[in-house]
Amino acid sequence: METENQYIYGRKPVEEFLKSSPEQVEKIFLRKGIQLNNISDLLNLASQNRIPVTDVPGSKLYDLVGGVNDQGVVAAVSMAEYTEFEVWLEQLEPTNDMAVLLLDEIEDPHNFGAILRTAAATGISAVIVSKHRQAPVNAAVFKTSAGTVGKIPIIRAVNLNQAILSLKEHRFWVAGLDLNGESLLWEQKFDVPMAFVIGNEGRGMRKKTGEHCDFLLTIPMQNSVESLNASVTAALVCYEWQKQKLS
C-alpha cells in the first residue's frame, strides 16, 4: 500500500473521511469566522478522535489547496491511495456476483472521483487504474467523490492489458464500453465475475485494450449525440450490473 500526505477540502468530504478513516486525519483547518453550527457533526467527530482543529485566515486555506471552493474546511491527511494489482490478485476469491471497473487512462480528476462514488454506491468490488496517464487520488477526486474514497479499493496496475489477461485467468469476463460495440449494454447478461473497461474521456478505449476484451458493449445514442462523459458511461454500466444482481 502506497501512502502520501495531501489535503482534502469541503465540509462533506472532510466529514465523510472522518467517519471512514479518522486515524488518517492529522489536522483540520477552519477559516476564521466560519459558522460552527454548520459543521457541528464534523467538529464532534474531530473531538471524539482527538484531532486538532485550528482557526486560520482564508489566505492560509488558499496556500494549502488553492483557489477552490473549500467551504472553509481543509484537512491534512495521510491517505492510503493504492493497492498494487499483484497484491490484490493474490487475495482475490472471485464470485459470480463480483464486478470491477478498469479505467483506461481517465485523466480528469472530476471524472475519476465521480466514478469512484458510483462504484462504491453500486457495490463494485474494486476500481483498477494504470500507473500511466491516470488522474491521481487528490483533493479534487475527494471532493467529487463526496468522501467515498477509501470505501472501495483502488488497485494500480503497471500494464492494464496484462491486468486484463490476469483477470481472465481468475474467471473474469471482460467487457469494454465502445461506440461500435456488438451488443447493447442492457441486452447482456452478467452472471459471472465481470470486469468493465471504461475508456479515456477524449480518445475512448485504446484499440489494443479493446482487442483484449471478451466482448464490446455499446450504449445507443440519439439526436446525433456522439458519446457520453466517461463517468456517465461508468454509472450506466454499474447500475445495469447492480440491477441484474438485485433482480
C-alpha atoms as a PDB file:
ATOM      1  CA  MET A   1       0.000   0.000   0.000  1.00  0.00           C
ATOM      2  CA  GLU A   2       1.354   3.383  -1.006  1.00  0.00           C
ATOM      3  CA  THR A   3       0.649   6.488   1.057  1.00  0.00           C
ATOM      4  CA  GLU A   4       1.229  10.193   0.723  1.00  0.00           C
ATOM      5  CA  ASN A   5       0.294  13.303   2.681  1.00  0.00           C
ATOM      6  CA  GLN A   6      -2.287  15.505   0.998  1.00  0.00           C
ATOM      7  CA  TYR A   7      -5.092  17.932   1.753  1.00  0.00           C
ATOM      8  CA  ILE A   8      -8.800  17.400   1.239  1.00  0.00           C
ATOM      9  CA  TYR A   9     -11.341  20.202   1.380  1.00  0.00           C
ATOM     10  CA  GLY A  10     -15.050  20.830   1.702  1.00  0.00           C
ATOM     11  CA  ARG A  11     -17.351  20.134   4.632  1.00  0.00           C
ATOM     12  CA  LYS A  12     -18.908  16.906   3.393  1.00  0.00           C
ATOM     13  CA  PRO A  13     -15.698  15.262   2.070  1.00  0.00           C
ATOM     14  CA  VAL A  14     -13.845  16.024   5.321  1.00  0.00           C
ATOM     15  CA  GLU A  15     -16.755  14.810   7.445  1.00  0.00           C
ATOM     16  CA  GLU A  16     -17.051  11.572   5.449  1.00  0.00           C
ATOM     17  CA  PHE A  17     -13.311  10.986   5.728  1.00  0.00           C
ATOM     18  CA  LEU A  18     -13.528  11.495   9.482  1.00  0.00           C
ATOM     19  CA  LYS A  19     -16.239   8.832   9.619  1.00  0.00           C
ATOM     20  CA  SER A  20     -14.410   6.266   7.495  1.00  0.00           C
ATOM     21  CA  SER A  21     -10.715   6.850   8.288  1.00  0.00           C
ATOM     22  CA  PRO A  22     -10.228   9.134  11.305  1.00  0.00           C
ATOM     23  CA  GLU A  23      -6.827   7.634  12.037  1.00  0.00           C
ATOM     24  CA  GLN A  24      -5.522   9.168   8.809  1.00  0.00           C
ATOM     25  CA  VAL A  25      -6.583  12.744   9.618  1.00  0.00           C
ATOM     26  CA  GLU A  26      -3.681  14.688  11.088  1.00  0.00           C
ATOM     27  CA  LYS A  27      -5.164  18.165  11.472  1.00  0.00           C
ATOM     28  CA  ILE A  28      -8.197  20.235  10.456  1.00  0.00           C
ATOM     29  CA  PHE A  29      -8.005  23.885   9.412  1.00  0.00           C
ATOM     30  CA  LEU A  30     -11.087  26.111   9.668  1.00  0.00           C
ATOM     31  CA  ARG A  31     -11.438  29.539   8.121  1.00  0.00           C
ATOM     32  CA  LYS A  32     -11.835  32.191  10.835  1.00  0.00           C
ATOM     33  CA  GLY A  33     -15.442  33.289  11.163  1.00  0.00           C
ATOM     34  CA  ILE A  34     -16.981  30.086   9.795  1.00  0.00           C
ATOM     35  CA  GLN A  35     -20.423  29.290  11.212  1.00  0.00           C
ATOM     36  CA  LEU A  36     -19.690  26.470  13.655  1.00  0.00           C
ATOM     37  CA  ASN A  37     -23.297  25.301  13.806  1.00  0.00           C
ATOM     38  CA  ASN A  38     -22.982  24.305  10.142  1.00  0.00           C
ATOM     39  CA  ILE A  39     -20.132  21.927  10.919  1.00  0.00           C
ATOM     40  CA  SER A  40     -21.168  20.625  14.334  1.00  0.00           C
ATOM     41  CA  ASP A  41     -21.053  16.955  13.263  1.00  0.00           C
ATOM     42  CA  LEU A  42     -17.598  17.447  11.805  1.00  0.00           C
ATOM     43  CA  LEU A  43     -16.339  19.085  14.999  1.00  0.00           C
ATOM     44  CA  ASN A  44     -17.816  16.314  17.147  1.00  0.00           C
ATOM     45  CA  LEU A  45     -16.038  13.683  15.079  1.00  0.00           C
ATOM     46  CA  ALA A  46     -12.765  15.585  15.371  1.00  0.00           C
ATOM     47  CA  SER A  47     -13.188  15.848  19.143  1.00  0.00           C
ATOM     48  CA  GLN A  48     -14.050  12.169  19.536  1.00  0.00           C
ATOM     49  CA  ASN A  49     -10.916  11.204  17.639  1.00  0.00           C
ATOM     50  CA  ARG A  50      -8.694  13.824  19.327  1.00  0.00           C
ATOM     51  CA  ILE A  51      -7.831  15.513  16.044  1.00  0.00           C
ATOM     52  CA  PRO A  52      -6.542  19.086  16.433  1.00  0.00           C
ATOM     53  CA  VAL A  53      -8.672  21.840  14.885  1.00  0.00           C
ATOM     54  CA  THR A  54      -7.104  25.232  14.108  1.00  0.00           C
ATOM     55  CA  ASP A  55      -8.725  28.518  13.045  1.00  0.00           C
ATOM     56  CA  VAL A  56      -6.753  30.191  10.245  1.00  0.00           C
ATOM     57  CA  PRO A  57      -7.280  33.101   7.855  1.00  0.00           C
ATOM     58  CA  GLY A  58      -8.676  32.368   4.412  1.00  0.00           C
ATOM     59  CA  SER A  59      -5.253  33.077   2.908  1.00  0.00           C
ATOM     60  CA  LYS A  60      -3.865  30.032   4.747  1.00  0.00           C
ATOM     61  CA  LEU A  61      -6.501  27.769   3.188  1.00  0.00           C
ATOM     62  CA  TYR A  62      -5.624  29.239  -0.206  1.00  0.00           C
ATOM     63  CA  ASP A  63      -1.971  28.390   0.388  1.00  0.00           C
ATOM     64  CA  LEU A  64      -2.960  24.794   1.179  1.00  0.00           C
ATOM     65  CA  VAL A  65      -5.420  23.998  -1.612  1.00  0.00           C
ATOM     66  CA  GLY A  66      -5.501  26.955  -4.000  1.00  0.00           C
ATOM     67  CA  GLY A  67      -8.497  28.825  -5.336  1.00  0.00           C
ATOM     68  CA  VAL A  68     -11.104  26.099  -4.891  1.00  0.00           C
ATOM     69  CA  ASN A  69     -14.475  26.080  -3.127  1.00  0.00           C
ATOM     70  CA  ASP A  70     -13.080  24.823   0.168  1.00  0.00           C
ATOM     71  CA  GLN A  71     -16.201  25.872   2.161  1.00  0.00           C
ATOM     72  CA  GLY A  72     -13.879  26.997   4.927  1.00  0.00           C
ATOM     73  CA  VAL A  73     -12.697  23.484   5.822  1.00  0.00           C
ATOM     74  CA  VAL A  74      -9.420  21.775   4.932  1.00  0.00           C
ATOM     75  CA  ALA A  75      -7.947  18.603   6.435  1.00  0.00           C
ATOM     76  CA  ALA A  76      -4.350  17.411   6.328  1.00  0.00           C
ATOM     77  CA  VAL A  77      -4.478  13.662   5.813  1.00  0.00           C
ATOM     78  CA  SER A  78      -2.174  10.736   5.265  1.00  0.00           C
ATOM     79  CA  MET A  79      -4.034   8.908   2.536  1.00  0.00           C
ATOM     80  CA  ALA A  80      -3.832   5.230   1.667  1.00  0.00           C
ATOM     81  CA  GLU A  81      -4.036   5.588  -2.076  1.00  0.00           C
ATOM     82  CA  TYR A  82      -3.402   2.379  -3.949  1.00  0.00           C
ATOM     83  CA  THR A  83      -3.074  -1.355  -3.576  1.00  0.00           C
ATOM     84  CA  GLU A  84      -0.760  -2.889  -6.152  1.00  0.00           C
ATOM     85  CA  PHE A  85      -2.515  -5.208  -8.583  1.00  0.00           C
ATOM     86  CA  GLU A  86      -0.363  -8.259  -7.829  1.00  0.00           C
ATOM     87  CA  VAL A  87      -1.017  -7.941  -4.082  1.00  0.00           C
ATOM     88  CA  TRP A  88      -4.764  -7.586  -4.623  1.00  0.00           C
ATOM     89  CA  LEU A  89      -4.842 -10.500  -7.065  1.00  0.00           C
ATOM     90  CA  GLU A  90      -3.183 -12.867  -4.581  1.00  0.00           C
ATOM     91  CA  GLN A  91      -6.068 -12.320  -2.154  1.00  0.00           C
ATOM     92  CA  LEU A  92      -8.809 -12.406  -4.771  1.00  0.00           C
ATOM     93  CA  GLU A  93     -11.574 -15.000  -4.487  1.00  0.00           C
ATOM     94  CA  PRO A  94     -13.925 -14.307  -7.428  1.00  0.00           C
ATOM     95  CA  THR A  95     -17.661 -14.964  -7.151  1.00  0.00           C
ATOM     96  CA  ASN A  96     -20.356 -14.737  -9.801  1.00  0.00           C
ATOM     97  CA  ASP A  97     -21.805 -11.583  -8.211  1.00  0.00           C
ATOM     98  CA  MET A  98     -18.492  -9.675  -8.333  1.00  0.00           C
ATOM     99  CA  ALA A  99     -17.539  -6.871 -10.708  1.00  0.00           C
ATOM    100  CA  VAL A 100     -14.597  -4.496 -11.082  1.00  0.00           C
ATOM    101  CA  LEU A 101     -14.010  -1.404 -13.198  1.00  0.00           C
ATOM    102  CA  LEU A 102     -10.851  -0.897 -15.243  1.00  0.00           C
ATOM    103  CA  LEU A 103     -10.148   2.730 -16.139  1.00  0.00           C
ATOM    104  CA  ASP A 104      -8.244   3.089 -19.397  1.00  0.00           C
ATOM    105  CA  GLU A 105      -6.401   6.379 -18.836  1.00  0.00           C
ATOM    106  CA  ILE A 106      -9.067   8.529 -17.133  1.00  0.00           C
ATOM    107  CA  GLU A 107      -7.247  11.852 -16.821  1.00  0.00           C
ATOM    108  CA  ASP A 108      -9.885  14.200 -15.389  1.00  0.00           C
ATOM    109  CA  PRO A 109      -9.938  14.035 -11.553  1.00  0.00           C
ATOM    110  CA  HIS A 110     -13.610  15.012 -11.511  1.00  0.00           C
ATOM    111  CA  ASN A 111     -14.468  12.038 -13.709  1.00  0.00           C
ATOM    112  CA  PHE A 112     -12.296   9.807 -11.533  1.00  0.00           C
ATOM    113  CA  GLY A 113     -13.998  10.987  -8.350  1.00  0.00           C
ATOM    114  CA  ALA A 114     -17.479  10.574  -9.829  1.00  0.00           C
ATOM    115  CA  ILE A 115     -16.641   7.037 -10.985  1.00  0.00           C
ATOM    116  CA  LEU A 116     -15.354   6.103  -7.526  1.00  0.00           C
ATOM    117  CA  ARG A 117     -18.559   7.442  -5.964  1.00  0.00           C
ATOM    118  CA  THR A 118     -20.782   5.412  -8.307  1.00  0.00           C
ATOM    119  CA  ALA A 119     -18.657   2.285  -7.916  1.00  0.00           C
ATOM    120  CA  ALA A 120     -18.938   2.480  -4.137  1.00  0.00           C
ATOM    121  CA  ALA A 121     -22.683   3.141  -4.286  1.00  0.00           C
ATOM    122  CA  THR A 122     -23.380   0.133  -6.518  1.00  0.00           C
ATOM    123  CA  GLY A 123     -21.204  -2.437  -4.771  1.00  0.00           C
ATOM    124  CA  ILE A 124     -18.380  -2.701  -7.296  1.00  0.00           C
ATOM    125  CA  SER A 125     -15.523  -4.656  -5.684  1.00  0.00           C
ATOM    126  CA  ALA A 126     -12.603  -2.533  -6.913  1.00  0.00           C
ATOM    127  CA  VAL A 127     -11.511   0.121  -9.392  1.00  0.00           C
ATOM    128  CA  ILE A 128      -8.345  -0.758 -11.300  1.00  0.00           C
ATOM    129  CA  VAL A 129      -6.211   2.004 -12.814  1.00  0.00           C
ATOM    130  CA  SER A 130      -2.979   2.220 -14.759  1.00  0.00           C
ATOM    131  CA  LYS A 131       0.196   3.847 -13.461  1.00  0.00           C
ATOM    132  CA  HIS A 132       0.354   5.998 -16.588  1.00  0.00           C
ATOM    133  CA  ARG A 133      -1.929   8.777 -17.865  1.00  0.00           C
ATOM    134  CA  GLN A 134      -4.291   8.354 -14.954  1.00  0.00           C
ATOM    135  CA  ALA A 135      -5.622  11.095 -12.702  1.00  0.00           C
ATOM    136  CA  PRO A 136      -4.111  10.717  -9.211  1.00  0.00           C
ATOM    137  CA  VAL A 137      -6.077  10.487  -5.990  1.00  0.00           C
ATOM    138  CA  ASN A 138      -6.017  14.144  -4.977  1.00  0.00           C
ATOM    139  CA  ALA A 139      -8.203  16.771  -3.317  1.00  0.00           C
ATOM    140  CA  ALA A 140     -10.354  17.233  -6.424  1.00  0.00           C
ATOM    141  CA  VAL A 141     -11.026  13.500  -6.553  1.00  0.00           C
ATOM    142  CA  PHE A 142     -12.012  13.515  -2.871  1.00  0.00           C
ATOM    143  CA  LYS A 143     -14.336  16.473  -3.417  1.00  0.00           C
ATOM    144  CA  THR A 144     -16.080  14.951  -6.442  1.00  0.00           C
ATOM    145  CA  SER A 145     -16.371  11.541  -4.818  1.00  0.00           C
ATOM    146  CA  ALA A 146     -18.222  13.130  -1.871  1.00  0.00           C
ATOM    147  CA  GLY A 147     -15.895  11.422   0.576  1.00  0.00           C
ATOM    148  CA  THR A 148     -16.291   7.893  -0.796  1.00  0.00           C
ATOM    149  CA  VAL A 149     -12.569   7.463  -1.486  1.00  0.00           C
ATOM    150  CA  GLY A 150     -11.429   4.773   0.913  1.00  0.00           C
ATOM    151  CA  LYS A 151     -14.730   2.888   0.771  1.00  0.00           C
ATOM    152  CA  ILE A 152     -13.651   0.949  -2.302  1.00  0.00           C
ATOM    153  CA  PRO A 153     -10.179  -0.425  -3.146  1.00  0.00           C
ATOM    154  CA  ILE A 154      -8.226   1.469  -5.796  1.00  0.00           C
ATOM    155  CA  ILE A 155      -5.929  -1.017  -7.490  1.00  0.00           C
ATOM    156  CA  ARG A 156      -2.925   0.114  -9.521  1.00  0.00           C
ATOM    157  CA  ALA A 157      -1.574  -1.972 -12.389  1.00  0.00           C
ATOM    158  CA  VAL A 158       1.657  -1.390 -14.272  1.00  0.00           C
ATOM    159  CA  ASN A 159       0.040  -2.581 -17.501  1.00  0.00           C
ATOM    160  CA  LEU A 160      -3.738  -2.553 -17.886  1.00  0.00           C
ATOM    161  CA  ASN A 161      -3.753  -5.068 -20.741  1.00  0.00           C
ATOM    162  CA  GLN A 162      -1.714  -7.516 -18.691  1.00  0.00           C
ATOM    163  CA  ALA A 163      -4.135  -6.980 -15.810  1.00  0.00           C
ATOM    164  CA  ILE A 164      -6.996  -7.934 -18.143  1.00  0.00           C
ATOM    165  CA  LEU A 165      -5.255 -11.193 -19.040  1.00  0.00           C
ATOM    166  CA  SER A 166      -4.682 -11.953 -15.354  1.00  0.00           C
ATOM    167  CA  LEU A 167      -8.337 -11.289 -14.550  1.00  0.00           C
ATOM    168  CA  LYS A 168      -9.365 -13.713 -17.296  1.00  0.00           C
ATOM    169  CA  GLU A 169      -7.217 -16.375 -15.657  1.00  0.00           C
ATOM    170  CA  HIS A 170      -9.254 -15.763 -12.489  1.00  0.00           C
ATOM    171  CA  ARG A 171     -12.596 -16.430 -14.224  1.00  0.00           C
ATOM    172  CA  PHE A 172     -13.482 -12.832 -15.038  1.00  0.00           C
ATOM    173  CA  TRP A 173     -15.175 -11.949 -18.303  1.00  0.00           C
ATOM    174  CA  VAL A 174     -14.014  -8.581 -19.622  1.00  0.00           C
ATOM    175  CA  ALA A 175     -16.400  -6.173 -21.344  1.00  0.00           C
ATOM    176  CA  GLY A 176     -15.244  -2.961 -22.956  1.00  0.00           C
ATOM    177  CA  LEU A 177     -17.545   0.019 -23.487  1.00  0.00           C
ATOM    178  CA  ASP A 178     -17.255   1.147 -27.087  1.00  0.00           C
ATOM    179  CA  LEU A 179     -19.375   3.152 -29.524  1.00  0.00           C
ATOM    180  CA  ASN A 180     -19.021   0.311 -32.026  1.00  0.00           C
ATOM    181  CA  GLY A 181     -19.754  -2.481 -29.565  1.00  0.00           C
ATOM    182  CA  GLU A 182     -21.524  -5.558 -30.909  1.00  0.00           C
ATOM    183  CA  SER A 183     -24.303  -5.666 -28.297  1.00  0.00           C
ATOM    184  CA  LEU A 184     -26.339  -3.241 -26.211  1.00  0.00           C
ATOM    185  CA  LEU A 185     -25.381  -2.866 -22.555  1.00  0.00           C
ATOM    186  CA  TRP A 186     -28.785  -3.931 -21.223  1.00  0.00           C
ATOM    187  CA  GLU A 187     -29.046  -6.952 -23.533  1.00  0.00           C
ATOM    188  CA  GLN A 188     -26.007  -8.631 -21.997  1.00  0.00           C
ATOM    189  CA  LYS A 189     -26.408 -10.954 -19.022  1.00  0.00           C
ATOM    190  CA  PHE A 190     -23.874 -10.593 -16.197  1.00  0.00           C
ATOM    191  CA  ASP A 191     -23.894 -13.904 -14.323  1.00  0.00           C
ATOM    192  CA  VAL A 192     -20.126 -14.406 -13.999  1.00  0.00           C
ATOM    193  CA  PRO A 193     -17.325 -12.324 -12.442  1.00  0.00           C
ATOM    194  CA  MET A 194     -17.227  -9.182 -14.603  1.00  0.00           C
ATOM    195  CA  ALA A 195     -14.609  -6.567 -15.450  1.00  0.00           C
ATOM    196  CA  PHE A 196     -15.831  -3.448 -17.276  1.00  0.00           C
ATOM    197  CA  VAL A 197     -13.361  -1.246 -19.164  1.00  0.00           C
ATOM    198  CA  ILE A 198     -14.120   2.493 -19.302  1.00  0.00           C
ATOM    199  CA  GLY A 199     -12.109   4.441 -21.878  1.00  0.00           C
ATOM    200  CA  ASN A 200     -10.436   7.830 -21.829  1.00  0.00           C
ATOM    201  CA  GLU A 201     -12.600  10.982 -21.887  1.00  0.00           C
ATOM    202  CA  GLY A 202     -11.484  12.040 -25.366  1.00  0.00           C
ATOM    203  CA  ARG A 203      -9.901   9.044 -27.080  1.00  0.00           C
ATOM    204  CA  GLY A 204     -12.106   6.330 -25.666  1.00  0.00           C
ATOM    205  CA  MET A 205     -10.749   2.853 -25.043  1.00  0.00           C
ATOM    206  CA  ARG A 206      -7.417   2.094 -26.666  1.00  0.00           C
ATOM    207  CA  LYS A 207      -7.576  -0.278 -29.649  1.00  0.00           C
ATOM    208  CA  LYS A 208      -5.236  -2.849 -28.103  1.00  0.00           C
ATOM    209  CA  THR A 209      -7.216  -2.818 -24.865  1.00  0.00           C
ATOM    210  CA  GLY A 210     -10.404  -3.417 -26.813  1.00  0.00           C
ATOM    211  CA  GLU A 211      -8.790  -6.400 -28.532  1.00  0.00           C
ATOM    212  CA  HIS A 212      -8.134  -7.954 -25.118  1.00  0.00           C
ATOM    213  CA  CYS A 213     -11.808  -7.722 -24.123  1.00  0.00           C
ATOM    214  CA  ASP A 214     -14.074 -10.746 -24.436  1.00  0.00           C
ATOM    215  CA  PHE A 215     -16.783  -8.558 -25.957  1.00  0.00           C
ATOM    216  CA  LEU A 216     -17.654  -4.908 -26.510  1.00  0.00           C
ATOM    217  CA  LEU A 217     -20.815  -3.236 -25.272  1.00  0.00           C
ATOM    218  CA  THR A 218     -22.418  -0.069 -26.561  1.00  0.00           C
ATOM    219  CA  ILE A 219     -24.904   2.470 -25.245  1.00  0.00           C
ATOM    220  CA  PRO A 220     -27.181   3.684 -28.063  1.00  0.00           C
ATOM    221  CA  MET A 221     -27.247   7.409 -28.836  1.00  0.00           C
ATOM    222  CA  GLN A 222     -29.978   9.557 -30.346  1.00  0.00           C
ATOM    223  CA  ASN A 223     -30.187  13.136 -31.637  1.00  0.00           C
ATOM    224  CA  SER A 224     -26.700  12.901 -33.185  1.00  0.00           C
ATOM    225  CA  VAL A 225     -25.032  12.668 -29.761  1.00  0.00           C
ATOM    226  CA  GLU A 226     -21.631  11.052 -30.354  1.00  0.00           C
ATOM    227  CA  SER A 227     -20.675   9.896 -26.860  1.00  0.00           C
ATOM    228  CA  LEU A 228     -21.252  10.214 -23.134  1.00  0.00           C
ATOM    229  CA  ASN A 229     -18.955  11.505 -20.423  1.00  0.00           C
ATOM    230  CA  ALA A 230     -16.781   8.701 -19.039  1.00  0.00           C
ATOM    231  CA  SER A 231     -18.307   8.978 -15.564  1.00  0.00           C
ATOM    232  CA  VAL A 232     -21.836   8.804 -17.017  1.00  0.00           C
ATOM    233  CA  THR A 233     -20.902   5.705 -19.007  1.00  0.00           C
ATOM    234  CA  ALA A 234     -19.490   4.117 -15.861  1.00  0.00           C
ATOM    235  CA  ALA A 235     -22.667   4.972 -13.938  1.00  0.00           C
ATOM    236  CA  LEU A 236     -24.899   3.320 -16.540  1.00  0.00           C
ATOM    237  CA  VAL A 237     -22.714   0.209 -16.508  1.00  0.00           C
ATOM    238  CA  CYS A 238     -22.610  -0.003 -12.719  1.00  0.00           C
ATOM    239  CA  TYR A 239     -26.345   0.380 -12.300  1.00  0.00           C
ATOM    240  CA  GLU A 240     -27.187  -2.098 -15.068  1.00  0.00           C
ATOM    241  CA  TRP A 241     -24.908  -4.636 -13.360  1.00  0.00           C
ATOM    242  CA  GLN A 242     -26.443  -3.862  -9.960  1.00  0.00           C
ATOM    243  CA  LYS A 243     -29.979  -4.124 -11.349  1.00  0.00           C
ATOM    244  CA  GLN A 244     -29.241  -7.645 -12.573  1.00  0.00           C
ATOM    245  CA  LYS A 245     -27.745  -8.621  -9.216  1.00  0.00           C
ATOM    246  CA  LEU A 246     -30.812  -7.367  -7.331  1.00  0.00           C
ATOM    247  CA  SER A 247     -33.432  -8.829  -9.675  1.00  0.00           C
END
